[in-house]
């Protein structure tokens, strides 16, 4: 779960049911999945967990991406 308060947009909602979440997690766990697809799958899971764009980009790049 993401913990940046005040940065979450309530108009963006993504729900993954248990079966779909398992499929996405299986893609991430499969070592034969292309890195680009794994990166996108991680973004989908983070969005479904309620993370905002800044939090997702921080996790993906290791750097904070601050709005201009």
PDB file of N, CA and C in Angstrom:
ATOM      1  N   UNK A   1       0.848  -1.188   0.000  1.00  0.00           N
ATOM      2  CA  UNK A   1       0.000   0.000   0.000  1.00  0.00           C
ATOM      3  C   UNK A   1       0.883   1.236   0.000  1.00  0.00           C
ATOM      4  N   UNK A   2       0.458   2.248  -0.664  1.00  0.00           N
ATOM      5  CA  UNK A   2       1.225   3.482  -0.764  1.00  0.00           C
ATOM      6  C   UNK A   2       0.840   4.436   0.359  1.00  0.00           C
ATOM      7  N   UNK A   3       1.788   5.230   0.778  1.00  0.00           N
ATOM      8  CA  UNK A   3       1.568   6.053   1.961  1.00  0.00           C
ATOM      9  C   UNK A   3       1.875   7.528   1.737  1.00  0.00           C
ATOM     10  N   UNK A   4       1.608   8.066   0.573  1.00  0.00           N
ATOM     11  CA  UNK A   4       1.775   9.502   0.363  1.00  0.00           C
ATOM     12  C   UNK A   4       0.403  10.135   0.448  1.00  0.00           C
ATOM     13  N   UNK A   5       0.164  10.875   1.498  1.00  0.00           N
ATOM     14  CA  UNK A   5      -1.137  11.493   1.724  1.00  0.00           C
ATOM     15  C   UNK A   5      -1.238  12.769   0.926  1.00  0.00           C
ATOM     16  N   UNK A   6      -2.408  13.023   0.371  1.00  0.00           N
ATOM     17  CA  UNK A   6      -2.639  14.238  -0.381  1.00  0.00           C
ATOM     18  C   UNK A   6      -2.205  14.153  -1.832  1.00  0.00           C
ATOM     19  N   UNK A   7      -1.580  13.049  -2.215  1.00  0.00           N
ATOM     20  CA  UNK A   7      -1.094  12.903  -3.585  1.00  0.00           C
ATOM     21  C   UNK A   7      -1.972  11.952  -4.402  1.00  0.00           C
ATOM     22  N   UNK A   8      -2.944  11.340  -3.787  1.00  0.00           N
ATOM     23  CA  UNK A   8      -3.774  10.354  -4.471  1.00  0.00           C
ATOM     24  C   UNK A   8      -4.937  11.034  -5.163  1.00  0.00           C
ATOM     25  N   UNK A   9      -5.192  10.621  -6.411  1.00  0.00           N
ATOM     26  CA  UNK A   9      -6.336  11.137  -7.156  1.00  0.00           C
ATOM     27  C   UNK A   9      -7.483  10.171  -7.003  1.00  0.00           C
ATOM     28  N   UNK A  10      -8.594  10.668  -6.496  1.00  0.00           N
ATOM     29  CA  UNK A  10      -9.751   9.801  -6.272  1.00  0.00           C
ATOM     30  C   UNK A  10     -10.518   9.491  -7.549  1.00  0.00           C
ATOM     31  N   UNK A  11     -10.248  10.220  -8.632  1.00  0.00           N
ATOM     32  CA  UNK A  11     -10.974   9.967  -9.875  1.00  0.00           C
ATOM     33  C   UNK A  11     -10.348   8.843 -10.696  1.00  0.00           C
ATOM     34  N   UNK A  12      -9.212   8.318 -10.258  1.00  0.00           N
ATOM     35  CA  UNK A  12      -8.577   7.198 -10.939  1.00  0.00           C
ATOM     36  C   UNK A  12      -8.722   5.975 -10.050  1.00  0.00           C
ATOM     37  N   UNK A  13      -9.366   4.949 -10.589  1.00  0.00           N
ATOM     38  CA  UNK A  13      -9.610   3.748  -9.803  1.00  0.00           C
ATOM     39  C   UNK A  13      -9.367   2.529 -10.683  1.00  0.00           C
ATOM     40  N   UNK A  14      -8.624   1.587 -10.169  1.00  0.00           N
ATOM     41  CA  UNK A  14      -8.373   0.348 -10.883  1.00  0.00           C
ATOM     42  C   UNK A  14      -8.566  -0.792  -9.898  1.00  0.00           C
ATOM     43  N   UNK A  15      -9.467  -1.684 -10.216  1.00  0.00           N
ATOM     44  CA  UNK A  15      -9.718  -2.834  -9.358  1.00  0.00           C
ATOM     45  C   UNK A  15      -9.297  -4.095 -10.089  1.00  0.00           C
ATOM     46  N   UNK A  16      -8.488  -4.900  -9.438  1.00  0.00           N
ATOM     47  CA  UNK A  16      -8.120  -6.208  -9.963  1.00  0.00           C
ATOM     48  C   UNK A  16      -8.735  -7.261  -9.057  1.00  0.00           C
ATOM     49  N   UNK A  17      -9.518  -8.123  -9.653  1.00  0.00           N
ATOM     50  CA  UNK A  17     -10.063  -9.239  -8.897  1.00  0.00           C
ATOM     51  C   UNK A  17      -8.952 -10.235  -8.575  1.00  0.00           C
ATOM     52  N   UNK A  18      -9.220 -11.162  -7.690  1.00  0.00           N
ATOM     53  CA  UNK A  18      -8.185 -12.122  -7.285  1.00  0.00           C
ATOM     54  C   UNK A  18      -7.595 -12.915  -8.458  1.00  0.00           C
ATOM     55  N   UNK A  19      -8.415 -13.308  -9.401  1.00  0.00           N
ATOM     56  CA  UNK A  19      -7.907 -14.092 -10.542  1.00  0.00           C
ATOM     57  C   UNK A  19      -7.002 -13.241 -11.436  1.00  0.00           C
ATOM     58  N   UNK A  20      -7.422 -12.006 -11.726  1.00  0.00           N
ATOM     59  CA  UNK A  20      -6.605 -11.133 -12.563  1.00  0.00           C
ATOM     60  C   UNK A  20      -5.317 -10.728 -11.858  1.00  0.00           C
ATOM     61  N   UNK A  21      -5.412 -10.479 -10.549  1.00  0.00           N
ATOM     62  CA  UNK A  21      -4.208 -10.129  -9.788  1.00  0.00           C
ATOM     63  C   UNK A  21      -3.213 -11.288  -9.823  1.00  0.00           C
ATOM     64  N   UNK A  22      -3.713 -12.501  -9.703  1.00  0.00           N
ATOM     65  CA  UNK A  22      -2.839 -13.678  -9.747  1.00  0.00           C
ATOM     66  C   UNK A  22      -2.151 -13.798 -11.102  1.00  0.00           C
ATOM     67  N   UNK A  23      -2.867 -13.492 -12.182  1.00  0.00           N
ATOM     68  CA  UNK A  23      -2.271 -13.544 -13.520  1.00  0.00           C
ATOM     69  C   UNK A  23      -1.166 -12.504 -13.674  1.00  0.00           C
ATOM     70  N   UNK A  24      -1.421 -11.292 -13.182  1.00  0.00           N
ATOM     71  CA  UNK A  24      -0.411 -10.229 -13.282  1.00  0.00           C
ATOM     72  C   UNK A  24       0.803 -10.578 -12.420  1.00  0.00           C
ATOM     73  N   UNK A  25       0.569 -11.090 -11.218  1.00  0.00           N
ATOM     74  CA  UNK A  25       1.674 -11.488 -10.354  1.00  0.00           C
ATOM     75  C   UNK A  25       2.473 -12.638 -10.958  1.00  0.00           C
ATOM     76  N   UNK A  26       1.787 -13.538 -11.669  1.00  0.00           N
ATOM     77  CA  UNK A  26       2.487 -14.641 -12.335  1.00  0.00           C
ATOM     78  C   UNK A  26       3.381 -14.119 -13.456  1.00  0.00           C
ATOM     79  N   UNK A  27       2.919 -13.100 -14.181  1.00  0.00           N
ATOM     80  CA  UNK A  27       3.764 -12.486 -15.212  1.00  0.00           C
ATOM     81  C   UNK A  27       5.042 -11.925 -14.603  1.00  0.00           C
ATOM     82  N   UNK A  28       4.886 -11.256 -13.465  1.00  0.00           N
ATOM     83  CA  UNK A  28       6.043 -10.652 -12.810  1.00  0.00           C
ATOM     84  C   UNK A  28       7.010 -11.730 -12.321  1.00  0.00           C
ATOM     85  N   UNK A  29       6.476 -12.818 -11.792  1.00  0.00           N
ATOM     86  CA  UNK A  29       7.312 -13.881 -11.233  1.00  0.00           C
ATOM     87  C   UNK A  29       8.006 -14.720 -12.299  1.00  0.00           C
ATOM     88  N   UNK A  30       7.438 -14.786 -13.506  1.00  0.00           N
ATOM     89  CA  UNK A  30       8.002 -15.597 -14.576  1.00  0.00           C
ATOM     90  C   UNK A  30       9.284 -14.948 -15.097  1.00  0.00           C
ATOM     91  N   UNK A  31      10.386 -15.636 -14.971  1.00  0.00           N
ATOM     92  CA  UNK A  31      11.675 -15.072 -15.382  1.00  0.00           C
ATOM     93  C   UNK A  31      11.810 -14.954 -16.894  1.00  0.00           C
ATOM     94  N   UNK A  32      10.881 -15.540 -17.652  1.00  0.00           N
ATOM     95  CA  UNK A  32      10.926 -15.436 -19.112  1.00  0.00           C
ATOM     96  C   UNK A  32      10.109 -14.263 -19.642  1.00  0.00           C
ATOM     97  N   UNK A  33       9.430 -13.532 -18.773  1.00  0.00           N
ATOM     98  CA  UNK A  33       8.643 -12.375 -19.188  1.00  0.00           C
ATOM     99  C   UNK A  33       9.577 -11.220 -19.498  1.00  0.00           C
ATOM    100  N   UNK A  34       9.317 -10.551 -20.602  1.00  0.00           N
ATOM    101  CA  UNK A  34      10.140  -9.402 -20.999  1.00  0.00           C
ATOM    102  C   UNK A  34      10.113  -8.328 -19.908  1.00  0.00           C
ATOM    103  N   UNK A  35      11.251  -7.688 -19.680  1.00  0.00           N
ATOM    104  CA  UNK A  35      11.380  -6.689 -18.615  1.00  0.00           C
ATOM    105  C   UNK A  35      10.371  -5.554 -18.777  1.00  0.00           C
ATOM    106  N   UNK A  36      10.130  -5.147 -20.018  1.00  0.00           N
ATOM    107  CA  UNK A  36       9.181  -4.061 -20.275  1.00  0.00           C
ATOM    108  C   UNK A  36       7.771  -4.448 -19.813  1.00  0.00           C
ATOM    109  N   UNK A  37       7.391  -5.688 -20.033  1.00  0.00           N
ATOM    110  CA  UNK A  37       6.074  -6.170 -19.602  1.00  0.00           C
ATOM    111  C   UNK A  37       6.010  -6.272 -18.081  1.00  0.00           C
ATOM    112  N   UNK A  38       7.101  -6.711 -17.462  1.00  0.00           N
ATOM    113  CA  UNK A  38       7.148  -6.776 -16.002  1.00  0.00           C
ATOM    114  C   UNK A  38       6.994  -5.386 -15.407  1.00  0.00           C
ATOM    115  N   UNK A  39       7.684  -4.400 -15.992  1.00  0.00           N
ATOM    116  CA  UNK A  39       7.601  -3.022 -15.504  1.00  0.00           C
ATOM    117  C   UNK A  39       6.158  -2.524 -15.575  1.00  0.00           C
ATOM    118  N   UNK A  40       5.497  -2.781 -16.673  1.00  0.00           N
ATOM    119  CA  UNK A  40       4.099  -2.353 -16.825  1.00  0.00           C
ATOM    120  C   UNK A  40       3.181  -3.086 -15.850  1.00  0.00           C
ATOM    121  N   UNK A  41       3.426  -4.373 -15.646  1.00  0.00           N
ATOM    122  CA  UNK A  41       2.619  -5.143 -14.702  1.00  0.00           C
ATOM    123  C   UNK A  41       2.795  -4.611 -13.281  1.00  0.00           C
ATOM    124  N   UNK A  42       4.003  -4.219 -12.918  1.00  0.00           N
ATOM    125  CA  UNK A  42       4.246  -3.635 -11.601  1.00  0.00           C
ATOM    126  C   UNK A  42       3.498  -2.310 -11.447  1.00  0.00           C
ATOM    127  N   UNK A  43       3.423  -1.529 -12.505  1.00  0.00           N
ATOM    128  CA  UNK A  43       2.671  -0.269 -12.479  1.00  0.00           C
ATOM    129  C   UNK A  43       1.183  -0.548 -12.278  1.00  0.00           C
ATOM    130  N   UNK A  44       0.669  -1.562 -12.966  1.00  0.00           N
ATOM    131  CA  UNK A  44      -0.746  -1.924 -12.822  1.00  0.00           C
ATOM    132  C   UNK A  44      -1.039  -2.337 -11.380  1.00  0.00           C
ATOM    133  N   UNK A  45      -0.184  -3.170 -10.795  1.00  0.00           N
ATOM    134  CA  UNK A  45      -0.405  -3.593  -9.413  1.00  0.00           C
ATOM    135  C   UNK A  45      -0.320  -2.413  -8.449  1.00  0.00           C
ATOM    136  N   UNK A  46       0.626  -1.530  -8.650  1.00  0.00           N
ATOM    137  CA  UNK A  46       0.762  -0.365  -7.777  1.00  0.00           C
ATOM    138  C   UNK A  46      -0.463   0.537  -7.885  1.00  0.00           C
ATOM    139  N   UNK A  47      -0.968   0.716  -9.101  1.00  0.00           N
ATOM    140  CA  UNK A  47      -2.171   1.523  -9.290  1.00  0.00           C
ATOM    141  C   UNK A  47      -3.366   0.873  -8.605  1.00  0.00           C
ATOM    142  N   UNK A  48      -3.487  -0.432  -8.737  1.00  0.00           N
ATOM    143  CA  UNK A  48      -4.592  -1.145  -8.090  1.00  0.00           C
ATOM    144  C   UNK A  48      -4.489  -1.062  -6.570  1.00  0.00           C
ATOM    145  N   UNK A  49      -3.275  -0.930  -6.047  1.00  0.00           N
ATOM    146  CA  UNK A  49      -3.072  -0.805  -4.602  1.00  0.00           C
ATOM    147  C   UNK A  49      -3.280   0.622  -4.113  1.00  0.00           C
ATOM    148  N   UNK A  50      -3.552   1.546  -5.037  1.00  0.00           N
ATOM    149  CA  UNK A  50      -3.845   2.923  -4.644  1.00  0.00           C
ATOM    150  C   UNK A  50      -2.672   3.868  -4.705  1.00  0.00           C
ATOM    151  N   UNK A  51      -1.575   3.449  -5.279  1.00  0.00           N
ATOM    152  CA  UNK A  51      -0.415   4.335  -5.391  1.00  0.00           C
ATOM    153  C   UNK A  51      -0.666   5.400  -6.449  1.00  0.00           C
ATOM    154  N   UNK A  52      -0.126   6.572  -6.224  1.00  0.00           N
ATOM    155  CA  UNK A  52      -0.212   7.657  -7.194  1.00  0.00           C
ATOM    156  C   UNK A  52       0.965   7.615  -8.148  1.00  0.00           C
ATOM    157  N   UNK A  53       0.934   8.479  -9.140  1.00  0.00           N
ATOM    158  CA  UNK A  53       1.964   8.515 -10.172  1.00  0.00           C
ATOM    159  C   UNK A  53       3.342   8.805  -9.592  1.00  0.00           C
ATOM    160  N   UNK A  54       3.432   9.754  -8.685  1.00  0.00           N
ATOM    161  CA  UNK A  54       4.732  10.107  -8.114  1.00  0.00           C
ATOM    162  C   UNK A  54       5.320   8.920  -7.354  1.00  0.00           C
ATOM    163  N   UNK A  55       4.503   8.251  -6.571  1.00  0.00           N
ATOM    164  CA  UNK A  55       4.966   7.089  -5.810  1.00  0.00           C
ATOM    165  C   UNK A  55       5.410   5.971  -6.746  1.00  0.00           C
ATOM    166  N   UNK A  56       4.657   5.722  -7.798  1.00  0.00           N
ATOM    167  CA  UNK A  56       5.010   4.669  -8.756  1.00  0.00           C
ATOM    168  C   UNK A  56       6.324   4.992  -9.440  1.00  0.00           C
ATOM    169  N   UNK A  57       6.496   6.227  -9.877  1.00  0.00           N
ATOM    170  CA  UNK A  57       7.733   6.607 -10.558  1.00  0.00           C
ATOM    171  C   UNK A  57       8.921   6.568  -9.606  1.00  0.00           C
ATOM    172  N   UNK A  58       8.702   6.917  -8.351  1.00  0.00           N
ATOM    173  CA  UNK A  58       9.788   6.840  -7.366  1.00  0.00           C
ATOM    174  C   UNK A  58      10.225   5.388  -7.216  1.00  0.00           C
ATOM    175  N   UNK A  59       9.270   4.477  -7.137  1.00  0.00           N
ATOM    176  CA  UNK A  59       9.598   3.067  -7.005  1.00  0.00           C
ATOM    177  C   UNK A  59      10.291   2.531  -8.256  1.00  0.00           C
ATOM    178  N   UNK A  60       9.863   2.990  -9.418  1.00  0.00           N
ATOM    179  CA  UNK A  60      10.388   2.476 -10.679  1.00  0.00           C
ATOM    180  C   UNK A  60      11.795   2.991 -10.968  1.00  0.00           C
ATOM    181  N   UNK A  61      12.070   4.238 -10.617  1.00  0.00           N
ATOM    182  CA  UNK A  61      13.356   4.840 -10.985  1.00  0.00           C
ATOM    183  C   UNK A  61      14.299   4.994  -9.799  1.00  0.00           C
ATOM    184  N   UNK A  62      13.752   4.940  -8.586  1.00  0.00           N
ATOM    185  CA  UNK A  62      14.577   5.178  -7.424  1.00  0.00           C
ATOM    186  C   UNK A  62      14.742   6.656  -7.110  1.00  0.00           C
ATOM    187  N   UNK A  63      14.220   7.514  -7.976  1.00  0.00           N
ATOM    188  CA  UNK A  63      14.307   8.959  -7.786  1.00  0.00           C
ATOM    189  C   UNK A  63      12.913   9.537  -7.654  1.00  0.00           C
ATOM    190  N   UNK A  64      12.792  10.579  -6.889  1.00  0.00           N
ATOM    191  CA  UNK A  64      11.508  11.266  -6.776  1.00  0.00           C
ATOM    192  C   UNK A  64      11.295  12.104  -8.021  1.00  0.00           C
ATOM    193  N   UNK A  65      10.144  11.975  -8.623  1.00  0.00           N
ATOM    194  CA  UNK A  65       9.776  12.788  -9.775  1.00  0.00           C
ATOM    195  C   UNK A  65       8.799  13.838  -9.264  1.00  0.00           C
ATOM    196  N   UNK A  66       9.255  15.047  -9.147  1.00  0.00           N
ATOM    197  CA  UNK A  66       8.451  16.100  -8.566  1.00  0.00           C
ATOM    198  C   UNK A  66       7.670  16.843  -9.640  1.00  0.00           C
ATOM    199  N   UNK A  67       6.430  17.189  -9.358  1.00  0.00           N
ATOM    200  CA  UNK A  67       5.654  17.949 -10.349  1.00  0.00           C
ATOM    201  C   UNK A  67       6.231  19.333 -10.549  1.00  0.00           C
ATOM    202  N   UNK A  68       6.157  19.825 -11.765  1.00  0.00           N
ATOM    203  CA  UNK A  68       6.676  21.160 -12.095  1.00  0.00           C
ATOM    204  C   UNK A  68       5.691  22.236 -11.772  1.00  0.00           C
TER     205      UNK A  68
END
